[in-house]
């Protein structure tokens, strides 16, 4: 391993160098939140996938935590989409509409 492979962390001229983290930008949606059921690649277990929410990652994580708590199930946030375990589409639509989002079902 050569010195050129390591990123610069300190310089005598400027002090500690802070690494610039790349920012992830998601494309802006049309303002409609979409909920769909997915089972592909999940060994037959269904999840409700919520997409189209224009929030930053922290707010998206907080919203996902609230939805999981209200639905009484697990889930996660991946690539700007919220995944809630099980087929909870009707309950999720009701909860999101109470928060002021315009919600549609998509997929089958």
PDB file of N, CA and C in Angstrom:
ATOM      1  N   UNK A   1       0.849  -1.164   0.000  1.00  0.00           N
ATOM      2  CA  UNK A   1       0.000   0.000   0.000  1.00  0.00           C
ATOM      3  C   UNK A   1       0.897   1.230   0.000  1.00  0.00           C
ATOM      4  N   UNK A   2       0.695   2.107  -0.937  1.00  0.00           N
ATOM      5  CA  UNK A   2       1.508   3.306  -1.024  1.00  0.00           C
ATOM      6  C   UNK A   2       0.814   4.472  -0.325  1.00  0.00           C
ATOM      7  N   UNK A   3       1.541   5.522  -0.112  1.00  0.00           N
ATOM      8  CA  UNK A   3       1.000   6.696   0.561  1.00  0.00           C
ATOM      9  C   UNK A   3      -0.092   7.343  -0.287  1.00  0.00           C
ATOM     10  N   UNK A   4       0.018   7.263  -1.600  1.00  0.00           N
ATOM     11  CA  UNK A   4      -0.984   7.895  -2.469  1.00  0.00           C
ATOM     12  C   UNK A   4      -2.354   7.211  -2.389  1.00  0.00           C
ATOM     13  N   UNK A   5      -2.408   5.968  -1.884  1.00  0.00           N
ATOM     14  CA  UNK A   5      -3.688   5.266  -1.756  1.00  0.00           C
ATOM     15  C   UNK A   5      -4.505   5.793  -0.580  1.00  0.00           C
ATOM     16  N   UNK A   6      -3.843   6.369   0.422  1.00  0.00           N
ATOM     17  CA  UNK A   6      -4.539   6.855   1.610  1.00  0.00           C
ATOM     18  C   UNK A   6      -5.051   8.276   1.385  1.00  0.00           C
ATOM     19  N   UNK A   7      -6.265   8.561   1.797  1.00  0.00           N
ATOM     20  CA  UNK A   7      -6.762   9.928   1.671  1.00  0.00           C
ATOM     21  C   UNK A   7      -6.083  10.839   2.696  1.00  0.00           C
ATOM     22  N   UNK A   8      -5.915  12.095   2.335  1.00  0.00           N
ATOM     23  CA  UNK A   8      -5.281  13.081   3.193  1.00  0.00           C
ATOM     24  C   UNK A   8      -6.209  13.406   4.360  1.00  0.00           C
ATOM     25  N   UNK A   9      -5.711  13.297   5.591  1.00  0.00           N
ATOM     26  CA  UNK A   9      -6.533  13.590   6.754  1.00  0.00           C
ATOM     27  C   UNK A   9      -6.018  14.784   7.536  1.00  0.00           C
ATOM     28  N   UNK A  10      -4.741  15.198   7.327  1.00  0.00           N
ATOM     29  CA  UNK A  10      -4.194  16.330   8.059  1.00  0.00           C
ATOM     30  C   UNK A  10      -3.169  17.035   7.191  1.00  0.00           C
ATOM     31  N   UNK A  11      -3.167  18.334   7.256  1.00  0.00           N
ATOM     32  CA  UNK A  11      -2.196  19.134   6.531  1.00  0.00           C
ATOM     33  C   UNK A  11      -1.625  20.172   7.482  1.00  0.00           C
ATOM     34  N   UNK A  12      -0.320  20.425   7.396  1.00  0.00           N
ATOM     35  CA  UNK A  12       0.291  21.412   8.272  1.00  0.00           C
ATOM     36  C   UNK A  12      -0.193  22.818   7.949  1.00  0.00           C
ATOM     37  N   UNK A  13      -0.679  23.042   6.735  1.00  0.00           N
ATOM     38  CA  UNK A  13      -1.173  24.366   6.358  1.00  0.00           C
ATOM     39  C   UNK A  13      -2.592  24.622   6.856  1.00  0.00           C
ATOM     40  N   UNK A  14      -3.453  23.627   6.726  1.00  0.00           N
ATOM     41  CA  UNK A  14      -4.870  23.842   7.031  1.00  0.00           C
ATOM     42  C   UNK A  14      -5.384  23.082   8.230  1.00  0.00           C
ATOM     43  N   UNK A  15      -4.584  22.233   8.836  1.00  0.00           N
ATOM     44  CA  UNK A  15      -5.062  21.427   9.963  1.00  0.00           C
ATOM     45  C   UNK A  15      -5.792  20.193   9.483  1.00  0.00           C
ATOM     46  N   UNK A  16      -6.770  19.752  10.274  1.00  0.00           N
ATOM     47  CA  UNK A  16      -7.505  18.533   9.954  1.00  0.00           C
ATOM     48  C   UNK A  16      -8.356  18.749   8.715  1.00  0.00           C
ATOM     49  N   UNK A  17      -8.271  17.814   7.782  1.00  0.00           N
ATOM     50  CA  UNK A  17      -9.021  17.859   6.535  1.00  0.00           C
ATOM     51  C   UNK A  17     -10.294  17.039   6.718  1.00  0.00           C
ATOM     52  N   UNK A  18     -11.418  17.650   6.411  1.00  0.00           N
ATOM     53  CA  UNK A  18     -12.689  16.932   6.519  1.00  0.00           C
ATOM     54  C   UNK A  18     -13.041  16.349   5.165  1.00  0.00           C
ATOM     55  N   UNK A  19     -13.392  15.082   5.184  1.00  0.00           N
ATOM     56  CA  UNK A  19     -13.774  14.407   3.937  1.00  0.00           C
ATOM     57  C   UNK A  19     -15.153  14.892   3.514  1.00  0.00           C
ATOM     58  N   UNK A  20     -15.317  15.102   2.252  1.00  0.00           N
ATOM     59  CA  UNK A  20     -16.599  15.523   1.706  1.00  0.00           C
ATOM     60  C   UNK A  20     -17.378  14.273   1.336  1.00  0.00           C
ATOM     61  N   UNK A  21     -18.533  14.104   1.990  1.00  0.00           N
ATOM     62  CA  UNK A  21     -19.362  12.942   1.696  1.00  0.00           C
ATOM     63  C   UNK A  21     -20.253  13.258   0.505  1.00  0.00           C
ATOM     64  N   UNK A  22     -20.365  12.322  -0.411  1.00  0.00           N
ATOM     65  CA  UNK A  22     -21.234  12.581  -1.564  1.00  0.00           C
ATOM     66  C   UNK A  22     -22.694  12.635  -1.126  1.00  0.00           C
ATOM     67  N   UNK A  23     -23.431  13.588  -1.661  1.00  0.00           N
ATOM     68  CA  UNK A  23     -24.841  13.694  -1.324  1.00  0.00           C
ATOM     69  C   UNK A  23     -25.662  12.907  -2.331  1.00  0.00           C
ATOM     70  N   UNK A  24     -26.640  12.211  -1.811  1.00  0.00           N
ATOM     71  CA  UNK A  24     -27.515  11.413  -2.665  1.00  0.00           C
ATOM     72  C   UNK A  24     -28.726  12.266  -3.004  1.00  0.00           C
ATOM     73  N   UNK A  25     -28.959  12.469  -4.275  1.00  0.00           N
ATOM     74  CA  UNK A  25     -30.128  13.227  -4.700  1.00  0.00           C
ATOM     75  C   UNK A  25     -31.115  12.290  -5.365  1.00  0.00           C
ATOM     76  N   UNK A  26     -32.323  12.347  -4.870  1.00  0.00           N
ATOM     77  CA  UNK A  26     -33.384  11.531  -5.457  1.00  0.00           C
ATOM     78  C   UNK A  26     -34.179  12.393  -6.421  1.00  0.00           C
ATOM     79  N   UNK A  27     -34.657  11.815  -7.493  1.00  0.00           N
ATOM     80  CA  UNK A  27     -35.455  12.608  -8.426  1.00  0.00           C
ATOM     81  C   UNK A  27     -36.757  13.053  -7.770  1.00  0.00           C
ATOM     82  N   UNK A  28     -37.177  14.262  -8.087  1.00  0.00           N
ATOM     83  CA  UNK A  28     -38.434  14.777  -7.551  1.00  0.00           C
ATOM     84  C   UNK A  28     -39.589  14.033  -8.194  1.00  0.00           C
ATOM     85  N   UNK A  29     -40.555  13.668  -7.377  1.00  0.00           N
ATOM     86  CA  UNK A  29     -41.715  12.962  -7.887  1.00  0.00           C
ATOM     87  C   UNK A  29     -42.784  13.926  -8.357  1.00  0.00           C
ATOM     88  N   UNK A  30     -43.961  13.391  -8.601  1.00  0.00           N
ATOM     89  CA  UNK A  30     -45.075  14.206  -9.065  1.00  0.00           C
ATOM     90  C   UNK A  30     -45.982  14.636  -7.919  1.00  0.00           C
ATOM     91  N   UNK A  31     -45.533  14.424  -6.680  1.00  0.00           N
ATOM     92  CA  UNK A  31     -46.306  14.829  -5.516  1.00  0.00           C
ATOM     93  C   UNK A  31     -47.292  13.787  -5.043  1.00  0.00           C
ATOM     94  N   UNK A  32     -47.301  12.638  -5.676  1.00  0.00           N
ATOM     95  CA  UNK A  32     -48.216  11.564  -5.287  1.00  0.00           C
ATOM     96  C   UNK A  32     -47.409  10.445  -4.637  1.00  0.00           C
ATOM     97  N   UNK A  33     -47.839  10.052  -3.442  1.00  0.00           N
ATOM     98  CA  UNK A  33     -47.204   8.947  -2.740  1.00  0.00           C
ATOM     99  C   UNK A  33     -47.853   7.664  -3.227  1.00  0.00           C
ATOM    100  N   UNK A  34     -47.029   6.685  -3.606  1.00  0.00           N
ATOM    101  CA  UNK A  34     -47.553   5.426  -4.127  1.00  0.00           C
ATOM    102  C   UNK A  34     -47.229   4.284  -3.167  1.00  0.00           C
ATOM    103  N   UNK A  35     -48.220   3.423  -2.962  1.00  0.00           N
ATOM    104  CA  UNK A  35     -48.061   2.246  -2.103  1.00  0.00           C
ATOM    105  C   UNK A  35     -48.294   1.021  -2.965  1.00  0.00           C
ATOM    106  N   UNK A  36     -47.353   0.092  -2.919  1.00  0.00           N
ATOM    107  CA  UNK A  36     -47.544  -1.151  -3.661  1.00  0.00           C
ATOM    108  C   UNK A  36     -47.091  -2.336  -2.812  1.00  0.00           C
ATOM    109  N   UNK A  37     -47.659  -3.481  -3.125  1.00  0.00           N
ATOM    110  CA  UNK A  37     -47.288  -4.718  -2.439  1.00  0.00           C
ATOM    111  C   UNK A  37     -46.249  -5.432  -3.286  1.00  0.00           C
ATOM    112  N   UNK A  38     -45.165  -5.882  -2.652  1.00  0.00           N
ATOM    113  CA  UNK A  38     -44.124  -6.630  -3.346  1.00  0.00           C
ATOM    114  C   UNK A  38     -43.870  -7.940  -2.622  1.00  0.00           C
ATOM    115  N   UNK A  39     -43.670  -8.999  -3.408  1.00  0.00           N
ATOM    116  CA  UNK A  39     -43.279 -10.283  -2.828  1.00  0.00           C
ATOM    117  C   UNK A  39     -42.044 -10.845  -3.515  1.00  0.00           C
ATOM    118  N   UNK A  40     -41.659 -10.279  -4.646  1.00  0.00           N
ATOM    119  CA  UNK A  40     -40.539 -10.804  -5.424  1.00  0.00           C
ATOM    120  C   UNK A  40     -39.234 -10.689  -4.648  1.00  0.00           C
ATOM    121  N   UNK A  41     -38.490 -11.780  -4.587  1.00  0.00           N
ATOM    122  CA  UNK A  41     -37.197 -11.789  -3.925  1.00  0.00           C
ATOM    123  C   UNK A  41     -37.277 -11.790  -2.413  1.00  0.00           C
ATOM    124  N   UNK A  42     -38.433 -12.080  -1.859  1.00  0.00           N
ATOM    125  CA  UNK A  42     -38.613 -12.051  -0.409  1.00  0.00           C
ATOM    126  C   UNK A  42     -39.118 -13.382   0.138  1.00  0.00           C
ATOM    127  N   UNK A  43     -38.897 -14.435  -0.634  1.00  0.00           N
ATOM    128  CA  UNK A  43     -39.309 -15.794  -0.246  1.00  0.00           C
ATOM    129  C   UNK A  43     -40.798 -15.872   0.073  1.00  0.00           C
ATOM    130  N   UNK A  44     -41.602 -15.166  -0.727  1.00  0.00           N
ATOM    131  CA  UNK A  44     -43.051 -15.222  -0.566  1.00  0.00           C
ATOM    132  C   UNK A  44     -43.615 -14.291   0.479  1.00  0.00           C
ATOM    133  N   UNK A  45     -42.772 -13.651   1.251  1.00  0.00           N
ATOM    134  CA  UNK A  45     -43.248 -12.725   2.275  1.00  0.00           C
ATOM    135  C   UNK A  45     -43.568 -11.383   1.615  1.00  0.00           C
ATOM    136  N   UNK A  46     -44.720 -10.862   1.861  1.00  0.00           N
ATOM    137  CA  UNK A  46     -45.119  -9.605   1.243  1.00  0.00           C
ATOM    138  C   UNK A  46     -44.720  -8.403   2.070  1.00  0.00           C
ATOM    139  N   UNK A  47     -44.375  -7.321   1.403  1.00  0.00           N
ATOM    140  CA  UNK A  47     -44.111  -6.045   2.064  1.00  0.00           C
ATOM    141  C   UNK A  47     -44.871  -4.961   1.310  1.00  0.00           C
ATOM    142  N   UNK A  48     -45.220  -3.908   2.020  1.00  0.00           N
ATOM    143  CA  UNK A  48     -45.832  -2.739   1.408  1.00  0.00           C
ATOM    144  C   UNK A  48     -44.726  -1.715   1.206  1.00  0.00           C
ATOM    145  N   UNK A  49     -44.523  -1.296  -0.041  1.00  0.00           N
ATOM    146  CA  UNK A  49     -43.458  -0.353  -0.379  1.00  0.00           C
ATOM    147  C   UNK A  49     -44.091   1.006  -0.659  1.00  0.00           C
ATOM    148  N   UNK A  50     -43.609   2.020   0.076  1.00  0.00           N
ATOM    149  CA  UNK A  50     -44.116   3.381  -0.070  1.00  0.00           C
ATOM    150  C   UNK A  50     -43.053   4.193  -0.787  1.00  0.00           C
ATOM    151  N   UNK A  51     -43.395   4.787  -1.918  1.00  0.00           N
ATOM    152  CA  UNK A  51     -42.441   5.589  -2.680  1.00  0.00           C
ATOM    153  C   UNK A  51     -43.058   6.933  -3.031  1.00  0.00           C
ATOM    154  N   UNK A  52     -42.206   7.880  -3.420  1.00  0.00           N
ATOM    155  CA  UNK A  52     -42.676   9.189  -3.854  1.00  0.00           C
ATOM    156  C   UNK A  52     -42.793  10.211  -2.754  1.00  0.00           C
ATOM    157  N   UNK A  53     -42.230   9.928  -1.576  1.00  0.00           N
ATOM    158  CA  UNK A  53     -42.274  10.896  -0.484  1.00  0.00           C
ATOM    159  C   UNK A  53     -41.061  11.804  -0.609  1.00  0.00           C
ATOM    160  N   UNK A  54     -41.299  13.104  -0.759  1.00  0.00           N
ATOM    161  CA  UNK A  54     -40.221  14.074  -0.922  1.00  0.00           C
ATOM    162  C   UNK A  54     -39.780  14.613   0.430  1.00  0.00           C
ATOM    163  N   UNK A  55     -39.075  13.777   1.200  1.00  0.00           N
ATOM    164  CA  UNK A  55     -38.515  14.172   2.489  1.00  0.00           C
ATOM    165  C   UNK A  55     -37.043  13.813   2.494  1.00  0.00           C
ATOM    166  N   UNK A  56     -36.267  14.486   3.358  1.00  0.00           N
ATOM    167  CA  UNK A  56     -34.862  14.099   3.481  1.00  0.00           C
ATOM    168  C   UNK A  56     -34.765  12.818   4.302  1.00  0.00           C
ATOM    169  N   UNK A  57     -33.565  12.246   4.374  1.00  0.00           N
ATOM    170  CA  UNK A  57     -33.390  10.927   4.984  1.00  0.00           C
ATOM    171  C   UNK A  57     -33.800  10.893   6.452  1.00  0.00           C
ATOM    172  N   UNK A  58     -33.490  11.941   7.224  1.00  0.00           N
ATOM    173  CA  UNK A  58     -33.855  11.941   8.645  1.00  0.00           C
ATOM    174  C   UNK A  58     -35.364  11.954   8.835  1.00  0.00           C
ATOM    175  N   UNK A  59     -36.054  12.812   8.095  1.00  0.00           N
ATOM    176  CA  UNK A  59     -37.511  12.887   8.203  1.00  0.00           C
ATOM    177  C   UNK A  59     -38.167  11.613   7.688  1.00  0.00           C
ATOM    178  N   UNK A  60     -37.583  11.013   6.661  1.00  0.00           N
ATOM    179  CA  UNK A  60     -38.109   9.763   6.117  1.00  0.00           C
ATOM    180  C   UNK A  60     -37.985   8.641   7.146  1.00  0.00           C
ATOM    181  N   UNK A  61     -36.857   8.604   7.860  1.00  0.00           N
ATOM    182  CA  UNK A  61     -36.646   7.599   8.896  1.00  0.00           C
ATOM    183  C   UNK A  61     -37.638   7.786  10.042  1.00  0.00           C
ATOM    184  N   UNK A  62     -37.890   9.042  10.427  1.00  0.00           N
ATOM    185  CA  UNK A  62     -38.859   9.309  11.489  1.00  0.00           C
ATOM    186  C   UNK A  62     -40.266   8.895  11.076  1.00  0.00           C
ATOM    187  N   UNK A  63     -40.633   9.192   9.819  1.00  0.00           N
ATOM    188  CA  UNK A  63     -41.946   8.803   9.318  1.00  0.00           C
ATOM    189  C   UNK A  63     -42.075   7.285   9.287  1.00  0.00           C
ATOM    190  N   UNK A  64     -41.015   6.601   8.848  1.00  0.00           N
ATOM    191  CA  UNK A  64     -41.044   5.136   8.804  1.00  0.00           C
ATOM    192  C   UNK A  64     -41.217   4.562  10.204  1.00  0.00           C
ATOM    193  N   UNK A  65     -40.529   5.130  11.184  1.00  0.00           N
ATOM    194  CA  UNK A  65     -40.646   4.647  12.566  1.00  0.00           C
ATOM    195  C   UNK A  65     -42.073   4.821  13.078  1.00  0.00           C
ATOM    196  N   UNK A  66     -42.688   5.951  12.760  1.00  0.00           N
ATOM    197  CA  UNK A  66     -44.063   6.188  13.196  1.00  0.00           C
ATOM    198  C   UNK A  66     -45.032   5.215  12.523  1.00  0.00           C
ATOM    199  N   UNK A  67     -44.846   4.983  11.211  1.00  0.00           N
ATOM    200  CA  UNK A  67     -45.722   4.055  10.493  1.00  0.00           C
ATOM    201  C   UNK A  67     -45.574   2.636  11.019  1.00  0.00           C
ATOM    202  N   UNK A  68     -44.332   2.221  11.295  1.00  0.00           N
ATOM    203  CA  UNK A  68     -44.109   0.873  11.829  1.00  0.00           C
ATOM    204  C   UNK A  68     -44.784   0.716  13.181  1.00  0.00           C
ATOM    205  N   UNK A  69     -44.694   1.749  14.004  1.00  0.00           N
ATOM    206  CA  UNK A  69     -45.304   1.694  15.328  1.00  0.00           C
ATOM    207  C   UNK A  69     -46.821   1.611  15.228  1.00  0.00           C
ATOM    208  N   UNK A  70     -47.413   2.422  14.339  1.00  0.00           N
ATOM    209  CA  UNK A  70     -48.869   2.426  14.186  1.00  0.00           C
ATOM    210  C   UNK A  70     -49.388   1.136  13.569  1.00  0.00           C
ATOM    211  N   UNK A  71     -48.572   0.506  12.682  1.00  0.00           N
ATOM    212  CA  UNK A  71     -48.989  -0.744  12.046  1.00  0.00           C
ATOM    213  C   UNK A  71     -48.683  -1.956  12.929  1.00  0.00           C
ATOM    214  N   UNK A  72     -47.793  -1.795  13.885  1.00  0.00           N
ATOM    215  CA  UNK A  72     -47.432  -2.914  14.760  1.00  0.00           C
ATOM    216  C   UNK A  72     -46.596  -3.951  14.056  1.00  0.00           C
ATOM    217  N   UNK A  73     -45.698  -3.512  13.183  1.00  0.00           N
ATOM    218  CA  UNK A  73     -44.856  -4.456  12.453  1.00  0.00           C
ATOM    219  C   UNK A  73     -43.511  -3.809  12.153  1.00  0.00           C
ATOM    220  N   UNK A  74     -42.624  -4.566  11.547  1.00  0.00           N
ATOM    221  CA  UNK A  74     -41.289  -4.076  11.228  1.00  0.00           C
ATOM    222  C   UNK A  74     -41.235  -3.452   9.856  1.00  0.00           C
ATOM    223  N   UNK A  75     -40.062  -2.976   9.520  1.00  0.00           N
ATOM    224  CA  UNK A  75     -39.863  -2.374   8.219  1.00  0.00           C
ATOM    225  C   UNK A  75     -38.510  -1.699   8.142  1.00  0.00           C
ATOM    226  N   UNK A  76     -38.252  -1.016   7.034  1.00  0.00           N
ATOM    227  CA  UNK A  76     -36.971  -0.346   6.851  1.00  0.00           C
ATOM    228  C   UNK A  76     -37.107   0.758   5.815  1.00  0.00           C
ATOM    229  N   UNK A  77     -36.038   1.565   5.699  1.00  0.00           N
ATOM    230  CA  UNK A  77     -35.959   2.602   4.678  1.00  0.00           C
ATOM    231  C   UNK A  77     -34.804   2.228   3.764  1.00  0.00           C
ATOM    232  N   UNK A  78     -35.093   2.061   2.470  1.00  0.00           N
ATOM    233  CA  UNK A  78     -34.063   1.706   1.500  1.00  0.00           C
ATOM    234  C   UNK A  78     -34.228   2.553   0.252  1.00  0.00           C
ATOM    235  N   UNK A  79     -33.167   3.221  -0.160  1.00  0.00           N
ATOM    236  CA  UNK A  79     -33.146   4.005  -1.400  1.00  0.00           C
ATOM    237  C   UNK A  79     -34.298   5.005  -1.499  1.00  0.00           C
ATOM    238  N   UNK A  80     -34.616   5.653  -0.394  1.00  0.00           N
ATOM    239  CA  UNK A  80     -35.669   6.658  -0.413  1.00  0.00           C
ATOM    240  C   UNK A  80     -37.070   6.104  -0.408  1.00  0.00           C
ATOM    241  N   UNK A  81     -37.214   4.799  -0.173  1.00  0.00           N
ATOM    242  CA  UNK A  81     -38.526   4.172  -0.105  1.00  0.00           C
ATOM    243  C   UNK A  81     -38.681   3.512   1.262  1.00  0.00           C
ATOM    244  N   UNK A  82     -39.900   3.506   1.774  1.00  0.00           N
ATOM    245  CA  UNK A  82     -40.195   2.875   3.053  1.00  0.00           C
ATOM    246  C   UNK A  82     -40.799   1.511   2.770  1.00  0.00           C
ATOM    247  N   UNK A  83     -40.243   0.489   3.424  1.00  0.00           N
ATOM    248  CA  UNK A  83     -40.787  -0.868   3.303  1.00  0.00           C
ATOM    249  C   UNK A  83     -41.384  -1.262   4.648  1.00  0.00           C
ATOM    250  N   UNK A  84     -42.668  -1.625   4.633  1.00  0.00           N
ATOM    251  CA  UNK A  84     -43.371  -2.059   5.830  1.00  0.00           C
ATOM    252  C   UNK A  84     -43.744  -3.524   5.635  1.00  0.00           C
ATOM    253  N   UNK A  85     -43.423  -4.362   6.626  1.00  0.00           N
ATOM    254  CA  UNK A  85     -43.682  -5.789   6.502  1.00  0.00           C
ATOM    255  C   UNK A  85     -45.181  -6.060   6.513  1.00  0.00           C
ATOM    256  N   UNK A  86     -45.596  -6.976   5.658  1.00  0.00           N
ATOM    257  CA  UNK A  86     -46.994  -7.370   5.568  1.00  0.00           C
ATOM    258  C   UNK A  86     -47.774  -6.501   4.603  1.00  0.00           C
ATOM    259  N   UNK A  87     -49.014  -6.895   4.358  1.00  0.00           N
ATOM    260  CA  UNK A  87     -49.886  -6.154   3.448  1.00  0.00           C
ATOM    261  C   UNK A  87     -50.742  -5.203   4.274  1.00  0.00           C
ATOM    262  N   UNK A  88     -50.232  -4.026   4.540  1.00  0.00           N
ATOM    263  CA  UNK A  88     -50.906  -3.024   5.365  1.00  0.00           C
ATOM    264  C   UNK A  88     -51.287  -1.802   4.533  1.00  0.00           C
ATOM    265  N   UNK A  89     -51.554  -2.001   3.248  1.00  0.00           N
ATOM    266  CA  UNK A  89     -51.760  -0.878   2.339  1.00  0.00           C
ATOM    267  C   UNK A  89     -52.923   0.027   2.756  1.00  0.00           C
ATOM    268  N   UNK A  90     -54.040  -0.551   3.173  1.00  0.00           N
ATOM    269  CA  UNK A  90     -55.205   0.268   3.533  1.00  0.00           C
ATOM    270  C   UNK A  90     -54.907   1.138   4.749  1.00  0.00           C
ATOM    271  N   UNK A  91     -54.300   0.566   5.764  1.00  0.00           N
ATOM    272  CA  UNK A  91     -53.953   1.312   6.968  1.00  0.00           C
ATOM    273  C   UNK A  91     -52.909   2.385   6.662  1.00  0.00           C
ATOM    274  N   UNK A  92     -51.905   2.039   5.833  1.00  0.00           N
ATOM    275  CA  UNK A  92     -50.874   3.005   5.473  1.00  0.00           C
ATOM    276  C   UNK A  92     -51.463   4.181   4.689  1.00  0.00           C
ATOM    277  N   UNK A  93     -52.401   3.891   3.786  1.00  0.00           N
ATOM    278  CA  UNK A  93     -53.035   4.960   3.018  1.00  0.00           C
ATOM    279  C   UNK A  93     -53.769   5.908   3.955  1.00  0.00           C
ATOM    280  N   UNK A  94     -54.505   5.349   4.898  1.00  0.00           N
ATOM    281  CA  UNK A  94     -55.248   6.166   5.849  1.00  0.00           C
ATOM    282  C   UNK A  94     -54.308   7.034   6.694  1.00  0.00           C
ATOM    283  N   UNK A  95     -53.215   6.450   7.181  1.00  0.00           N
ATOM    284  CA  UNK A  95     -52.265   7.193   8.017  1.00  0.00           C
ATOM    285  C   UNK A  95     -51.567   8.303   7.233  1.00  0.00           C
ATOM    286  N   UNK A  96     -51.172   8.015   5.999  1.00  0.00           N
ATOM    287  CA  UNK A  96     -50.489   9.021   5.189  1.00  0.00           C
ATOM    288  C   UNK A  96     -51.427  10.148   4.766  1.00  0.00           C
ATOM    289  N   UNK A  97     -52.697   9.823   4.497  1.00  0.00           N
ATOM    290  CA  UNK A  97     -53.659  10.862   4.134  1.00  0.00           C
ATOM    291  C   UNK A  97     -53.942  11.776   5.319  1.00  0.00           C
ATOM    292  N   UNK A  98     -53.901  11.235   6.538  1.00  0.00           N
ATOM    293  CA  UNK A  98     -54.071  12.059   7.734  1.00  0.00           C
ATOM    294  C   UNK A  98     -52.932  13.063   7.874  1.00  0.00           C
ATOM    295  N   UNK A  99     -51.745  12.712   7.341  1.00  0.00           N
ATOM    296  CA  UNK A  99     -50.592  13.603   7.394  1.00  0.00           C
ATOM    297  C   UNK A  99     -50.571  14.595   6.228  1.00  0.00           C
ATOM    298  N   UNK A 100     -51.550  14.521   5.345  1.00  0.00           N
ATOM    299  CA  UNK A 100     -51.656  15.494   4.262  1.00  0.00           C
ATOM    300  C   UNK A 100     -51.051  15.063   2.943  1.00  0.00           C
ATOM    301  N   UNK A 101     -50.666  13.798   2.798  1.00  0.00           N
ATOM    302  CA  UNK A 101     -50.104  13.314   1.540  1.00  0.00           C
ATOM    303  C   UNK A 101     -51.242  12.863   0.627  1.00  0.00           C
ATOM    304  N   UNK A 102     -51.029  13.006  -0.685  1.00  0.00           N
ATOM    305  CA  UNK A 102     -51.952  12.456  -1.681  1.00  0.00           C
ATOM    306  C   UNK A 102     -51.458  11.060  -2.002  1.00  0.00           C
ATOM    307  N   UNK A 103     -52.279  10.040  -1.766  1.00  0.00           N
ATOM    308  CA  UNK A 103     -51.833   8.648  -1.826  1.00  0.00           C
ATOM    309  C   UNK A 103     -52.619   7.875  -2.876  1.00  0.00           C
ATOM    310  N   UNK A 104     -51.895   7.040  -3.630  1.00  0.00           N
ATOM    311  CA  UNK A 104     -52.508   6.130  -4.599  1.00  0.00           C
ATOM    312  C   UNK A 104     -51.908   4.745  -4.425  1.00  0.00           C
ATOM    313  N   UNK A 105     -52.696   3.726  -4.748  1.00  0.00           N
ATOM    314  CA  UNK A 105     -52.170   2.361  -4.813  1.00  0.00           C
ATOM    315  C   UNK A 105     -51.583   2.142  -6.200  1.00  0.00           C
ATOM    316  N   UNK A 106     -50.499   1.409  -6.278  1.00  0.00           N
ATOM    317  CA  UNK A 106     -49.925   1.076  -7.571  1.00  0.00           C
ATOM    318  C   UNK A 106     -49.625  -0.414  -7.594  1.00  0.00           C
ATOM    319  N   UNK A 107     -49.448  -0.953  -8.776  1.00  0.00           N
ATOM    320  CA  UNK A 107     -49.177  -2.391  -8.903  1.00  0.00           C
ATOM    321  C   UNK A 107     -50.439  -3.193  -8.776  1.00  0.00           C
ATOM    322  N   UNK A 108     -50.246  -4.514  -8.528  1.00  0.00           N
ATOM    323  CA  UNK A 108     -51.384  -5.416  -8.504  1.00  0.00           C
ATOM    324  C   UNK A 108     -52.002  -5.667  -7.214  1.00  0.00           C
TER     325      UNK A 108
END
